Amino acid sequence: MPIFEDTPTKYKNWAEQYYELALPETEILAIFEHQPLSNELIQAINPDNSLEELEEDITQIGYPSRYK
């Protein structure tokens, strides 16, 4: 997906326009750096999600997380 192949700032700008919401730059950078996901990181981006709710998706794509 080309939107993920660019810079965190370009993705943030695209996502803010697409989803019509403000996103925290620090957390977007953490995702681009493949820092392990935590509840705090996930909920800073989307307060309606949690590490537990996303466990299957996270495992499926092989993203590092602090689950369990």
C-alpha atoms as a PDB file:
ATOM      1  CA  MET A   1       0.000   0.000   0.000  1.00  0.00           C
ATOM      2  CA  PRO A   2       1.766   3.185  -1.162  1.00  0.00           C
ATOM      3  CA  ILE A   3       0.563   5.306   1.774  1.00  0.00           C
ATOM      4  CA  PHE A   4       2.717   3.204   4.110  1.00  0.00           C
ATOM      5  CA  GLU A   5       5.823   3.384   1.911  1.00  0.00           C
ATOM      6  CA  ASP A   6       6.396   7.088   2.455  1.00  0.00           C
ATOM      7  CA  THR A   7       7.132   9.077   5.582  1.00  0.00           C
ATOM      8  CA  PRO A   8       5.182   9.120   8.847  1.00  0.00           C
ATOM      9  CA  THR A   9       4.245  12.755   8.193  1.00  0.00           C
ATOM     10  CA  LYS A  10       2.820  11.973   4.749  1.00  0.00           C
ATOM     11  CA  TYR A  11       0.832   9.060   6.165  1.00  0.00           C
ATOM     12  CA  LYS A  12      -0.437  11.211   9.055  1.00  0.00           C
ATOM     13  CA  ASN A  13      -1.589  13.928   6.639  1.00  0.00           C
ATOM     14  CA  TRP A  14      -3.305  11.376   4.389  1.00  0.00           C
ATOM     15  CA  ALA A  15      -5.015   9.605   7.302  1.00  0.00           C
ATOM     16  CA  GLU A  16      -6.211  12.830   8.882  1.00  0.00           C
ATOM     17  CA  GLN A  17      -7.871  13.849   5.630  1.00  0.00           C
ATOM     18  CA  TYR A  18      -9.257  10.388   4.920  1.00  0.00           C
ATOM     19  CA  TYR A  19     -10.633   9.713   8.429  1.00  0.00           C
ATOM     20  CA  GLU A  20     -11.375  13.370   9.194  1.00  0.00           C
ATOM     21  CA  LEU A  21      -9.674  13.337  12.575  1.00  0.00           C
ATOM     22  CA  ALA A  22      -6.450  14.471  14.200  1.00  0.00           C
ATOM     23  CA  LEU A  23      -3.756  11.871  14.804  1.00  0.00           C
ATOM     24  CA  PRO A  24      -0.859  12.092  17.268  1.00  0.00           C
ATOM     25  CA  GLU A  25       2.449  12.417  15.419  1.00  0.00           C
ATOM     26  CA  THR A  26       4.520  10.637  18.084  1.00  0.00           C
ATOM     27  CA  GLU A  27       2.353   7.527  17.944  1.00  0.00           C
ATOM     28  CA  ILE A  28       2.315   7.457  14.141  1.00  0.00           C
ATOM     29  CA  LEU A  29       6.128   7.598  14.209  1.00  0.00           C
ATOM     30  CA  ALA A  30       6.183   4.710  16.706  1.00  0.00           C
ATOM     31  CA  ILE A  31       4.139   2.591  14.284  1.00  0.00           C
ATOM     32  CA  PHE A  32       6.492   3.436  11.398  1.00  0.00           C
ATOM     33  CA  GLU A  33       9.424   2.421  13.601  1.00  0.00           C
ATOM     34  CA  HIS A  34       7.688  -0.904  14.365  1.00  0.00           C
ATOM     35  CA  GLN A  35       7.778  -0.272  18.089  1.00  0.00           C
ATOM     36  CA  PRO A  36       5.823  -2.929  19.972  1.00  0.00           C
ATOM     37  CA  LEU A  37       2.131  -2.129  20.272  1.00  0.00           C
ATOM     38  CA  SER A  38       0.733  -1.415  23.698  1.00  0.00           C
ATOM     39  CA  ASN A  39      -2.721  -0.413  24.877  1.00  0.00           C
ATOM     40  CA  GLU A  40      -1.434   3.113  25.398  1.00  0.00           C
ATOM     41  CA  LEU A  41      -0.145   3.367  21.834  1.00  0.00           C
ATOM     42  CA  ILE A  42      -3.293   1.891  20.292  1.00  0.00           C
ATOM     43  CA  GLN A  43      -5.655   4.022  22.360  1.00  0.00           C
ATOM     44  CA  ALA A  44      -3.722   7.215  21.593  1.00  0.00           C
ATOM     45  CA  ILE A  45      -4.619   6.585  17.953  1.00  0.00           C
ATOM     46  CA  ASN A  46      -8.071   5.074  18.494  1.00  0.00           C
ATOM     47  CA  PRO A  47      -9.537   5.146  22.016  1.00  0.00           C
ATOM     48  CA  ASP A  48     -12.210   2.646  20.943  1.00  0.00           C
ATOM     49  CA  ASN A  49      -9.652  -0.149  20.340  1.00  0.00           C
ATOM     50  CA  SER A  50      -7.411  -2.170  22.609  1.00  0.00           C
ATOM     51  CA  LEU A  51      -4.499  -4.546  22.289  1.00  0.00           C
ATOM     52  CA  GLU A  52      -6.799  -7.420  23.205  1.00  0.00           C
ATOM     53  CA  GLU A  53      -9.367  -6.508  20.539  1.00  0.00           C
ATOM     54  CA  LEU A  54      -6.659  -6.324  17.877  1.00  0.00           C
ATOM     55  CA  GLU A  55      -4.736  -9.437  18.959  1.00  0.00           C
ATOM     56  CA  GLU A  56      -5.832 -11.582  16.006  1.00  0.00           C
ATOM     57  CA  ASP A  57      -5.012  -8.887  13.443  1.00  0.00           C
ATOM     58  CA  ILE A  58      -1.664  -8.144  15.091  1.00  0.00           C
ATOM     59  CA  THR A  59      -0.726 -11.823  15.102  1.00  0.00           C
ATOM     60  CA  GLN A  60      -1.848 -12.276  11.509  1.00  0.00           C
ATOM     61  CA  ILE A  61       0.406  -9.515  10.177  1.00  0.00           C
ATOM     62  CA  GLY A  62       3.288 -10.361  12.509  1.00  0.00           C
ATOM     63  CA  TYR A  63       3.521  -6.928  14.096  1.00  0.00           C
ATOM     64  CA  PRO A  64       5.409  -6.824  17.434  1.00  0.00           C
ATOM     65  CA  SER A  65       3.231  -6.238  20.483  1.00  0.00           C
ATOM     66  CA  ARG A  66       3.291  -6.349  24.231  1.00  0.00           C
ATOM     67  CA  TYR A  67       0.298  -8.646  24.366  1.00  0.00           C
ATOM     68  CA  LYS A  68       0.244 -10.911  27.418  1.00  0.00           C
END
